[in-house]
Amino acid sequence: MTAIQNLLDPPAEASIFLRAHRPGDIGWVIERHGELYARDYGWDSTFEGLVATIAGKFLTDFDSRKEHCWIAEMNGERVGCVFLVRASATVAKLRLLLVEPAARGHSIGTRLVEECIAFARQAGYRKLTLWTNSVLRAARRIYERAGFCLVKEGRHHSFGHDLVDQVWELKL
């Protein structure tokens, strides 16, 4: 009950830290994406399937020198995540950014994106890309503030809805 109360009404000085993924975290990532996007956007289970594919590929192809997953914890509970995966020798992708609704407003999304950018630079990538949808306004604001530029948009029907996808890039 204390954990639930802290998520709903965090103490004034919430203890937030980022860590690498551990066993069990990837299942949590898939579950939370599926549940939150169904609840908040009405997306169907094909979205959860996409997340499972991305997360599964991360685990099976993981290269710790070029890829990373960060899990954000607040007061000992998982409240966010983001992945950095290799796209090519010079390009990395930011994937699966998520912050639990109860943890929003603590700059967790910004911190996760900053970690991705710093790791990508350290790993020698020249460009960081990401794919998102226009309805994800809060995430898009984080990307813009971090210096990403919108380079492509297109209409598509996915996850049970007509959407506008976007590709964003950051030159490192």
N, C-alpha and C. Protein backbone atom coordinates (compact mmCIF):
# COMPACT_ATOMS: atom_id res chain seq x y z
N MET A 1 0.82 -1.18 0.00
CA MET A 1 0.00 0.00 0.00
C MET A 1 0.87 1.26 0.00
N THR A 2 1.99 1.22 0.69
CA THR A 2 2.87 2.38 0.73
C THR A 2 3.39 2.71 -0.65
N ALA A 3 3.76 1.70 -1.42
CA ALA A 3 4.27 1.92 -2.77
C ALA A 3 3.21 2.58 -3.64
N ILE A 4 1.98 2.10 -3.54
CA ILE A 4 0.89 2.67 -4.33
C ILE A 4 0.65 4.11 -3.90
N GLN A 5 0.63 4.36 -2.60
CA GLN A 5 0.42 5.72 -2.10
C GLN A 5 1.52 6.65 -2.58
N ASN A 6 2.78 6.19 -2.57
CA ASN A 6 3.90 7.02 -3.03
C ASN A 6 3.80 7.34 -4.51
N LEU A 7 3.28 6.40 -5.30
CA LEU A 7 3.09 6.68 -6.72
C LEU A 7 1.97 7.69 -6.94
N LEU A 8 0.90 7.57 -6.18
CA LEU A 8 -0.23 8.48 -6.34
C LEU A 8 0.03 9.85 -5.73
N ASP A 9 0.75 9.88 -4.63
CA ASP A 9 1.03 11.13 -3.92
C ASP A 9 2.46 11.08 -3.43
N PRO A 10 3.44 11.29 -4.36
CA PRO A 10 4.84 11.12 -3.98
C PRO A 10 5.27 12.12 -2.90
N PRO A 11 6.19 11.69 -2.05
CA PRO A 11 6.73 12.62 -1.06
C PRO A 11 7.34 13.83 -1.77
N ALA A 12 7.43 14.94 -1.08
CA ALA A 12 7.92 16.18 -1.67
C ALA A 12 9.28 16.00 -2.34
N GLU A 13 10.14 15.23 -1.74
CA GLU A 13 11.46 14.99 -2.31
C GLU A 13 11.55 13.54 -2.76
N ALA A 14 10.92 13.23 -3.88
CA ALA A 14 10.93 11.87 -4.39
C ALA A 14 12.35 11.45 -4.73
N SER A 15 12.69 10.23 -4.40
CA SER A 15 14.00 9.67 -4.71
C SER A 15 13.91 9.03 -6.09
N ILE A 16 14.57 9.65 -7.07
CA ILE A 16 14.51 9.18 -8.45
C ILE A 16 15.92 8.83 -8.90
N PHE A 17 16.06 7.63 -9.48
CA PHE A 17 17.35 7.31 -10.09
C PHE A 17 17.12 6.41 -11.30
N LEU A 18 18.13 6.41 -12.18
CA LEU A 18 18.10 5.60 -13.40
C LEU A 18 19.09 4.47 -13.24
N ARG A 19 18.69 3.30 -13.74
CA ARG A 19 19.56 2.14 -13.67
C ARG A 19 19.43 1.32 -14.94
N ALA A 20 20.35 0.40 -15.13
CA ALA A 20 20.28 -0.53 -16.27
C ALA A 20 19.19 -1.57 -16.01
N HIS A 21 18.73 -2.19 -17.09
CA HIS A 21 17.69 -3.21 -16.96
C HIS A 21 18.21 -4.44 -16.22
N ARG A 22 17.27 -5.11 -15.56
CA ARG A 22 17.53 -6.36 -14.86
C ARG A 22 16.46 -7.37 -15.28
N PRO A 23 16.64 -8.66 -14.93
CA PRO A 23 15.60 -9.63 -15.24
C PRO A 23 14.25 -9.18 -14.68
N GLY A 24 13.23 -9.31 -15.51
CA GLY A 24 11.88 -8.90 -15.15
C GLY A 24 11.50 -7.53 -15.66
N ASP A 25 12.49 -6.67 -15.91
CA ASP A 25 12.19 -5.31 -16.37
C ASP A 25 11.57 -5.27 -17.76
N ILE A 26 12.03 -6.11 -18.65
CA ILE A 26 11.53 -6.05 -20.03
C ILE A 26 10.06 -6.47 -20.08
N GLY A 27 9.69 -7.45 -19.29
CA GLY A 27 8.28 -7.82 -19.21
C GLY A 27 7.43 -6.67 -18.69
N TRP A 28 7.95 -5.93 -17.73
CA TRP A 28 7.26 -4.75 -17.20
C TRP A 28 7.10 -3.69 -18.29
N VAL A 29 8.15 -3.47 -19.08
CA VAL A 29 8.11 -2.49 -20.17
C VAL A 29 6.97 -2.83 -21.14
N ILE A 30 6.89 -4.09 -21.52
CA ILE A 30 5.85 -4.53 -22.47
C ILE A 30 4.47 -4.35 -21.85
N GLU A 31 4.30 -4.82 -20.63
CA GLU A 31 3.01 -4.72 -19.94
C GLU A 31 2.54 -3.28 -19.81
N ARG A 32 3.41 -2.39 -19.34
CA ARG A 32 3.01 -1.00 -19.10
C ARG A 32 2.71 -0.27 -20.40
N HIS A 33 3.49 -0.52 -21.45
CA HIS A 33 3.16 0.09 -22.74
C HIS A 33 1.79 -0.37 -23.20
N GLY A 34 1.55 -1.67 -23.15
CA GLY A 34 0.26 -2.20 -23.59
C GLY A 34 -0.90 -1.61 -22.82
N GLU A 35 -0.80 -1.60 -21.50
CA GLU A 35 -1.89 -1.10 -20.67
C GLU A 35 -2.09 0.41 -20.82
N LEU A 36 -1.02 1.19 -20.75
CA LEU A 36 -1.16 2.64 -20.80
C LEU A 36 -1.63 3.15 -22.15
N TYR A 37 -1.11 2.59 -23.23
CA TYR A 37 -1.52 3.07 -24.55
C TYR A 37 -2.94 2.63 -24.90
N ALA A 38 -3.37 1.49 -24.38
CA ALA A 38 -4.78 1.09 -24.56
C ALA A 38 -5.69 2.03 -23.79
N ARG A 39 -5.31 2.33 -22.56
CA ARG A 39 -6.13 3.20 -21.72
C ARG A 39 -6.15 4.65 -22.22
N ASP A 40 -4.97 5.19 -22.54
CA ASP A 40 -4.87 6.61 -22.87
C ASP A 40 -5.20 6.94 -24.32
N TYR A 41 -4.96 6.01 -25.25
CA TYR A 41 -5.16 6.30 -26.67
C TYR A 41 -6.09 5.32 -27.37
N GLY A 42 -6.54 4.28 -26.66
CA GLY A 42 -7.42 3.29 -27.26
C GLY A 42 -6.72 2.38 -28.25
N TRP A 43 -5.38 2.30 -28.16
CA TRP A 43 -4.65 1.46 -29.09
C TRP A 43 -4.89 -0.01 -28.76
N ASP A 44 -4.93 -0.83 -29.81
CA ASP A 44 -5.22 -2.25 -29.63
C ASP A 44 -3.95 -3.04 -29.31
N SER A 45 -4.11 -4.35 -29.22
CA SER A 45 -3.00 -5.20 -28.79
C SER A 45 -1.87 -5.31 -29.81
N THR A 46 -2.10 -4.83 -31.04
CA THR A 46 -0.98 -4.86 -32.00
C THR A 46 0.14 -3.94 -31.55
N PHE A 47 -0.20 -2.88 -30.80
CA PHE A 47 0.85 -2.01 -30.26
C PHE A 47 1.69 -2.77 -29.24
N GLU A 48 1.03 -3.48 -28.34
CA GLU A 48 1.77 -4.28 -27.36
C GLU A 48 2.65 -5.31 -28.07
N GLY A 49 2.15 -5.86 -29.18
CA GLY A 49 2.95 -6.79 -29.98
C GLY A 49 4.19 -6.14 -30.55
N LEU A 50 4.05 -4.90 -31.02
CA LEU A 50 5.21 -4.16 -31.54
C LEU A 50 6.23 -3.94 -30.42
N VAL A 51 5.76 -3.52 -29.27
CA VAL A 51 6.65 -3.30 -28.13
C VAL A 51 7.36 -4.60 -27.75
N ALA A 52 6.63 -5.69 -27.73
CA ALA A 52 7.23 -6.99 -27.40
C ALA A 52 8.30 -7.38 -28.41
N THR A 53 8.05 -7.10 -29.68
CA THR A 53 9.04 -7.39 -30.73
C THR A 53 10.31 -6.58 -30.52
N ILE A 54 10.14 -5.27 -30.31
CA ILE A 54 11.29 -4.38 -30.10
C ILE A 54 12.07 -4.81 -28.86
N ALA A 55 11.36 -5.04 -27.77
CA ALA A 55 12.01 -5.41 -26.51
C ALA A 55 12.68 -6.79 -26.61
N GLY A 56 12.02 -7.73 -27.27
CA GLY A 56 12.60 -9.06 -27.45
C GLY A 56 13.86 -9.02 -28.28
N LYS A 57 13.84 -8.24 -29.35
CA LYS A 57 15.03 -8.09 -30.20
C LYS A 57 16.18 -7.45 -29.40
N PHE A 58 15.83 -6.48 -28.57
CA PHE A 58 16.85 -5.86 -27.71
C PHE A 58 17.53 -6.93 -26.85
N LEU A 59 16.75 -7.78 -26.22
CA LEU A 59 17.33 -8.80 -25.35
C LEU A 59 18.15 -9.82 -26.11
N THR A 60 17.67 -10.27 -27.26
CA THR A 60 18.39 -11.32 -27.98
C THR A 60 19.62 -10.81 -28.71
N ASP A 61 19.63 -9.54 -29.10
CA ASP A 61 20.75 -8.98 -29.87
C ASP A 61 21.59 -7.99 -29.06
N PHE A 62 21.38 -7.90 -27.77
CA PHE A 62 21.97 -6.87 -26.93
C PHE A 62 23.49 -6.81 -27.03
N ASP A 63 24.01 -5.60 -27.30
CA ASP A 63 25.45 -5.32 -27.33
C ASP A 63 25.68 -4.16 -26.36
N SER A 64 26.20 -4.47 -25.18
CA SER A 64 26.33 -3.47 -24.12
C SER A 64 27.24 -2.29 -24.48
N ARG A 65 28.10 -2.47 -25.48
CA ARG A 65 28.97 -1.36 -25.90
C ARG A 65 28.22 -0.33 -26.73
N LYS A 66 27.14 -0.76 -27.40
CA LYS A 66 26.42 0.11 -28.33
C LYS A 66 24.95 0.29 -28.00
N GLU A 67 24.43 -0.42 -27.00
CA GLU A 67 23.01 -0.38 -26.68
C GLU A 67 22.80 -0.33 -25.17
N HIS A 68 21.64 0.20 -24.79
CA HIS A 68 21.37 0.29 -23.35
C HIS A 68 19.87 0.43 -23.14
N CYS A 69 19.42 0.00 -21.97
CA CYS A 69 18.06 0.23 -21.50
C CYS A 69 18.18 0.87 -20.12
N TRP A 70 17.45 1.95 -19.93
CA TRP A 70 17.40 2.60 -18.62
C TRP A 70 16.02 2.39 -18.04
N ILE A 71 16.01 2.05 -16.77
CA ILE A 71 14.78 1.96 -16.00
C ILE A 71 14.84 3.07 -14.95
N ALA A 72 13.80 3.90 -14.92
CA ALA A 72 13.72 4.95 -13.91
C ALA A 72 12.95 4.40 -12.72
N GLU A 73 13.47 4.65 -11.55
CA GLU A 73 12.79 4.27 -10.31
C GLU A 73 12.53 5.51 -9.48
N MET A 74 11.36 5.55 -8.87
CA MET A 74 11.03 6.61 -7.94
C MET A 74 10.59 5.95 -6.65
N ASN A 75 11.31 6.27 -5.58
CA ASN A 75 11.02 5.67 -4.28
C ASN A 75 10.96 4.14 -4.35
N GLY A 76 11.88 3.56 -5.15
CA GLY A 76 12.00 2.11 -5.22
C GLY A 76 11.07 1.41 -6.19
N GLU A 77 10.22 2.16 -6.90
CA GLU A 77 9.27 1.56 -7.85
C GLU A 77 9.64 1.96 -9.28
N ARG A 78 9.48 1.04 -10.23
CA ARG A 78 9.70 1.35 -11.64
C ARG A 78 8.66 2.36 -12.10
N VAL A 79 9.13 3.43 -12.73
CA VAL A 79 8.20 4.47 -13.19
C VAL A 79 8.51 4.94 -14.61
N GLY A 80 9.54 4.40 -15.24
CA GLY A 80 9.84 4.84 -16.59
C GLY A 80 10.92 4.00 -17.23
N CYS A 81 11.05 4.19 -18.54
CA CYS A 81 12.07 3.44 -19.28
C CYS A 81 12.36 4.13 -20.61
N VAL A 82 13.49 3.78 -21.17
CA VAL A 82 13.84 4.14 -22.54
C VAL A 82 14.95 3.20 -22.98
N PHE A 83 15.03 2.97 -24.28
CA PHE A 83 16.04 2.10 -24.87
C PHE A 83 16.85 2.88 -25.91
N LEU A 84 18.11 2.53 -26.04
CA LEU A 84 18.93 3.00 -27.14
C LEU A 84 19.42 1.74 -27.85
N VAL A 85 19.11 1.63 -29.14
CA VAL A 85 19.51 0.45 -29.91
C VAL A 85 20.28 0.88 -31.16
N ARG A 86 21.12 -0.02 -31.62
CA ARG A 86 21.95 0.22 -32.81
C ARG A 86 21.09 0.09 -34.05
N ALA A 87 21.16 1.09 -34.94
CA ALA A 87 20.51 1.00 -36.25
C ALA A 87 21.56 0.71 -37.32
N SER A 88 22.75 1.30 -37.17
CA SER A 88 23.87 1.06 -38.07
C SER A 88 25.14 1.44 -37.30
N ALA A 89 26.27 1.40 -37.97
CA ALA A 89 27.52 1.73 -37.31
C ALA A 89 27.54 3.18 -36.82
N THR A 90 26.79 4.06 -37.46
CA THR A 90 26.82 5.48 -37.11
C THR A 90 25.49 6.03 -36.60
N VAL A 91 24.44 5.21 -36.62
CA VAL A 91 23.10 5.68 -36.25
C VAL A 91 22.52 4.79 -35.15
N ALA A 92 21.99 5.44 -34.12
CA ALA A 92 21.29 4.74 -33.04
C ALA A 92 19.83 5.18 -33.04
N LYS A 93 18.98 4.35 -32.43
CA LYS A 93 17.56 4.68 -32.31
C LYS A 93 17.18 4.76 -30.84
N LEU A 94 16.43 5.79 -30.51
CA LEU A 94 15.81 5.90 -29.21
C LEU A 94 14.47 5.18 -29.32
N ARG A 95 14.18 4.27 -28.40
CA ARG A 95 12.96 3.47 -28.47
C ARG A 95 12.27 3.40 -27.12
N LEU A 96 10.95 3.26 -27.15
CA LEU A 96 10.12 2.86 -26.02
C LEU A 96 10.21 3.76 -24.79
N LEU A 97 10.25 5.07 -25.01
CA LEU A 97 10.20 6.00 -23.89
C LEU A 97 8.84 5.91 -23.22
N LEU A 98 8.84 5.78 -21.91
CA LEU A 98 7.59 5.70 -21.15
C LEU A 98 7.83 6.25 -19.75
N VAL A 99 6.87 7.04 -19.26
CA VAL A 99 6.88 7.49 -17.88
C VAL A 99 5.48 7.25 -17.33
N GLU A 100 5.41 6.58 -16.19
CA GLU A 100 4.13 6.31 -15.55
C GLU A 100 3.39 7.62 -15.26
N PRO A 101 2.08 7.65 -15.46
CA PRO A 101 1.33 8.88 -15.22
C PRO A 101 1.56 9.48 -13.83
N ALA A 102 1.63 8.67 -12.81
CA ALA A 102 1.81 9.18 -11.45
C ALA A 102 3.20 9.78 -11.22
N ALA A 103 4.14 9.49 -12.10
CA ALA A 103 5.51 9.98 -11.94
C ALA A 103 5.81 11.17 -12.86
N ARG A 104 4.86 11.58 -13.65
CA ARG A 104 5.08 12.70 -14.56
C ARG A 104 5.20 13.99 -13.77
N GLY A 105 5.94 14.93 -14.33
CA GLY A 105 6.16 16.20 -13.65
C GLY A 105 7.44 16.23 -12.84
N HIS A 106 8.21 15.15 -12.89
CA HIS A 106 9.49 15.08 -12.17
C HIS A 106 10.68 15.10 -13.14
N SER A 107 10.44 15.43 -14.40
CA SER A 107 11.48 15.49 -15.45
C SER A 107 12.12 14.14 -15.73
N ILE A 108 11.42 13.06 -15.44
CA ILE A 108 11.96 11.72 -15.66
C ILE A 108 12.15 11.46 -17.15
N GLY A 109 11.17 11.83 -17.97
CA GLY A 109 11.30 11.65 -19.42
C GLY A 109 12.49 12.40 -19.98
N THR A 110 12.68 13.62 -19.52
CA THR A 110 13.83 14.42 -19.96
C THR A 110 15.13 13.75 -19.55
N ARG A 111 15.21 13.29 -18.32
CA ARG A 111 16.43 12.62 -17.86
C ARG A 111 16.72 11.36 -18.66
N LEU A 112 15.69 10.58 -18.97
CA LEU A 112 15.89 9.36 -19.76
C LEU A 112 16.42 9.69 -21.15
N VAL A 113 15.85 10.71 -21.79
CA VAL A 113 16.31 11.10 -23.12
C VAL A 113 17.74 11.65 -23.06
N GLU A 114 18.05 12.42 -22.05
CA GLU A 114 19.42 12.93 -21.90
C GLU A 114 20.42 11.80 -21.75
N GLU A 115 20.05 10.76 -21.01
CA GLU A 115 20.94 9.60 -20.86
C GLU A 115 21.18 8.92 -22.21
N CYS A 116 20.12 8.79 -23.01
CA CYS A 116 20.26 8.19 -24.34
C CYS A 116 21.24 8.99 -25.19
N ILE A 117 21.07 10.29 -25.19
CA ILE A 117 21.93 11.16 -26.00
C ILE A 117 23.38 11.04 -25.55
N ALA A 118 23.62 11.10 -24.25
CA ALA A 118 24.99 11.01 -23.74
C ALA A 118 25.62 9.66 -24.08
N PHE A 119 24.84 8.58 -23.92
CA PHE A 119 25.36 7.25 -24.24
C PHE A 119 25.65 7.13 -25.73
N ALA A 120 24.76 7.64 -26.57
CA ALA A 120 24.96 7.58 -28.03
C ALA A 120 26.25 8.29 -28.42
N ARG A 121 26.48 9.45 -27.84
CA ARG A 121 27.73 10.18 -28.13
C ARG A 121 28.94 9.38 -27.69
N GLN A 122 28.89 8.85 -26.46
CA GLN A 122 30.00 8.07 -25.92
C GLN A 122 30.27 6.83 -26.76
N ALA A 123 29.21 6.24 -27.31
CA ALA A 123 29.35 5.01 -28.11
C ALA A 123 29.82 5.30 -29.54
N GLY A 124 29.95 6.58 -29.89
CA GLY A 124 30.48 6.95 -31.20
C GLY A 124 29.46 7.11 -32.31
N TYR A 125 28.18 7.11 -31.98
CA TYR A 125 27.17 7.33 -33.00
C TYR A 125 27.23 8.78 -33.48
N ARG A 126 26.85 9.01 -34.73
CA ARG A 126 26.82 10.36 -35.29
C ARG A 126 25.41 10.93 -35.35
N LYS A 127 24.42 10.04 -35.27
CA LYS A 127 23.04 10.49 -35.35
C LYS A 127 22.17 9.59 -34.48
N LEU A 128 21.16 10.22 -33.88
CA LEU A 128 20.17 9.50 -33.07
C LEU A 128 18.81 9.77 -33.69
N THR A 129 18.06 8.70 -33.97
CA THR A 129 16.74 8.85 -34.58
C THR A 129 15.68 8.26 -33.66
N LEU A 130 14.44 8.61 -33.94
CA LEU A 130 13.33 8.00 -33.24
C LEU A 130 12.09 8.08 -34.10
N TRP A 131 11.18 7.15 -33.87
CA TRP A 131 9.88 7.10 -34.55
C TRP A 131 8.82 7.27 -33.49
N THR A 132 7.86 8.14 -33.76
CA THR A 132 6.77 8.36 -32.81
C THR A 132 5.50 8.69 -33.59
N ASN A 133 4.45 9.02 -32.88
CA ASN A 133 3.19 9.42 -33.49
C ASN A 133 2.81 10.80 -32.97
N SER A 134 2.16 11.59 -33.81
CA SER A 134 1.86 12.98 -33.48
C SER A 134 0.99 13.13 -32.24
N VAL A 135 0.20 12.12 -31.90
CA VAL A 135 -0.66 12.22 -30.71
C VAL A 135 0.13 12.19 -29.41
N LEU A 136 1.37 11.80 -29.44
CA LEU A 136 2.19 11.68 -28.23
C LEU A 136 2.89 13.02 -27.96
N ARG A 137 2.09 14.01 -27.64
CA ARG A 137 2.55 15.40 -27.53
C ARG A 137 3.61 15.61 -26.45
N ALA A 138 3.44 15.04 -25.28
CA ALA A 138 4.40 15.25 -24.20
C ALA A 138 5.78 14.72 -24.59
N ALA A 139 5.82 13.55 -25.19
CA ALA A 139 7.10 12.98 -25.63
C ALA A 139 7.73 13.86 -26.71
N ARG A 140 6.91 14.33 -27.64
CA ARG A 140 7.44 15.18 -28.71
C ARG A 140 8.05 16.46 -28.15
N ARG A 141 7.46 17.02 -27.11
CA ARG A 141 8.04 18.23 -26.48
C ARG A 141 9.41 17.92 -25.89
N ILE A 142 9.54 16.76 -25.27
CA ILE A 142 10.84 16.35 -24.72
C ILE A 142 11.87 16.25 -25.83
N TYR A 143 11.50 15.62 -26.94
CA TYR A 143 12.44 15.46 -28.05
C TYR A 143 12.85 16.81 -28.63
N GLU A 144 11.89 17.70 -28.80
CA GLU A 144 12.20 19.04 -29.32
C GLU A 144 13.16 19.78 -28.40
N ARG A 145 12.89 19.77 -27.11
CA ARG A 145 13.76 20.46 -26.15
C ARG A 145 15.16 19.88 -26.14
N ALA A 146 15.29 18.59 -26.45
CA ALA A 146 16.61 17.93 -26.49
C ALA A 146 17.36 18.22 -27.78
N GLY A 147 16.70 18.88 -28.73
CA GLY A 147 17.38 19.24 -29.97
C GLY A 147 17.03 18.39 -31.18
N PHE A 148 16.14 17.43 -31.02
CA PHE A 148 15.71 16.61 -32.16
C PHE A 148 14.94 17.48 -33.15
N CYS A 149 15.05 17.15 -34.43
CA CYS A 149 14.32 17.85 -35.49
C CYS A 149 13.41 16.85 -36.21
N LEU A 150 12.20 17.29 -36.49
CA LEU A 150 11.25 16.48 -37.25
C LEU A 150 11.71 16.44 -38.69
N VAL A 151 11.91 15.22 -39.24
CA VAL A 151 12.40 15.11 -40.61
C VAL A 151 11.42 14.44 -41.57
N LYS A 152 10.38 13.79 -41.02
CA LYS A 152 9.44 13.08 -41.90
C LYS A 152 8.14 12.81 -41.16
N GLU A 153 7.02 12.95 -41.88
CA GLU A 153 5.71 12.62 -41.34
C GLU A 153 4.94 11.82 -42.39
N GLY A 154 4.05 10.98 -41.92
CA GLY A 154 3.21 10.22 -42.85
C GLY A 154 2.00 9.65 -42.15
N ARG A 155 0.93 9.54 -42.89
CA ARG A 155 -0.30 8.97 -42.34
C ARG A 155 -0.23 7.45 -42.44
N HIS A 156 -0.78 6.79 -41.42
CA HIS A 156 -0.83 5.33 -41.43
C HIS A 156 -1.99 4.88 -40.55
N HIS A 157 -2.38 3.63 -40.74
CA HIS A 157 -3.40 3.03 -39.88
C HIS A 157 -2.72 1.92 -39.09
N SER A 158 -2.59 2.15 -37.80
CA SER A 158 -1.94 1.18 -36.93
C SER A 158 -2.60 1.20 -35.57
N PHE A 159 -2.53 0.09 -34.87
CA PHE A 159 -3.02 -0.03 -33.50
C PHE A 159 -4.51 0.29 -33.40
N GLY A 160 -5.23 0.10 -34.53
CA GLY A 160 -6.67 0.32 -34.56
C GLY A 160 -7.08 1.75 -34.84
N HIS A 161 -6.14 2.61 -35.25
CA HIS A 161 -6.44 4.04 -35.46
C HIS A 161 -5.71 4.60 -36.67
N ASP A 162 -6.27 5.66 -37.23
CA ASP A 162 -5.57 6.45 -38.23
C ASP A 162 -4.66 7.41 -37.48
N LEU A 163 -3.39 7.35 -37.79
CA LEU A 163 -2.38 8.13 -37.05
C LEU A 163 -1.45 8.86 -38.02
N VAL A 164 -0.69 9.78 -37.47
CA VAL A 164 0.37 10.45 -38.21
C VAL A 164 1.68 10.09 -37.52
N ASP A 165 2.51 9.32 -38.23
CA ASP A 165 3.80 8.97 -37.65
C ASP A 165 4.82 10.04 -37.97
N GLN A 166 5.86 10.07 -37.15
CA GLN A 166 6.91 11.06 -37.31
C GLN A 166 8.27 10.42 -37.07
N VAL A 167 9.24 10.87 -37.85
CA VAL A 167 10.63 10.49 -37.64
C VAL A 167 11.37 11.76 -37.22
N TRP A 168 12.08 11.66 -36.12
CA TRP A 168 12.86 12.76 -35.58
C TRP A 168 14.33 12.35 -35.58
N GLU A 169 15.23 13.33 -35.76
CA GLU A 169 16.68 13.06 -35.76
C GLU A 169 17.42 14.10 -34.94
N LEU A 170 18.53 13.64 -34.39
CA LEU A 170 19.45 14.53 -33.68
C LEU A 170 20.85 14.21 -34.16
N LYS A 171 21.50 15.20 -34.73
CA LYS A 171 22.89 15.01 -35.13
C LYS A 171 23.76 15.15 -33.88
N LEU A 172 24.64 14.18 -33.68
CA LEU A 172 25.47 14.16 -32.49
C LEU A 172 26.85 14.74 -32.77
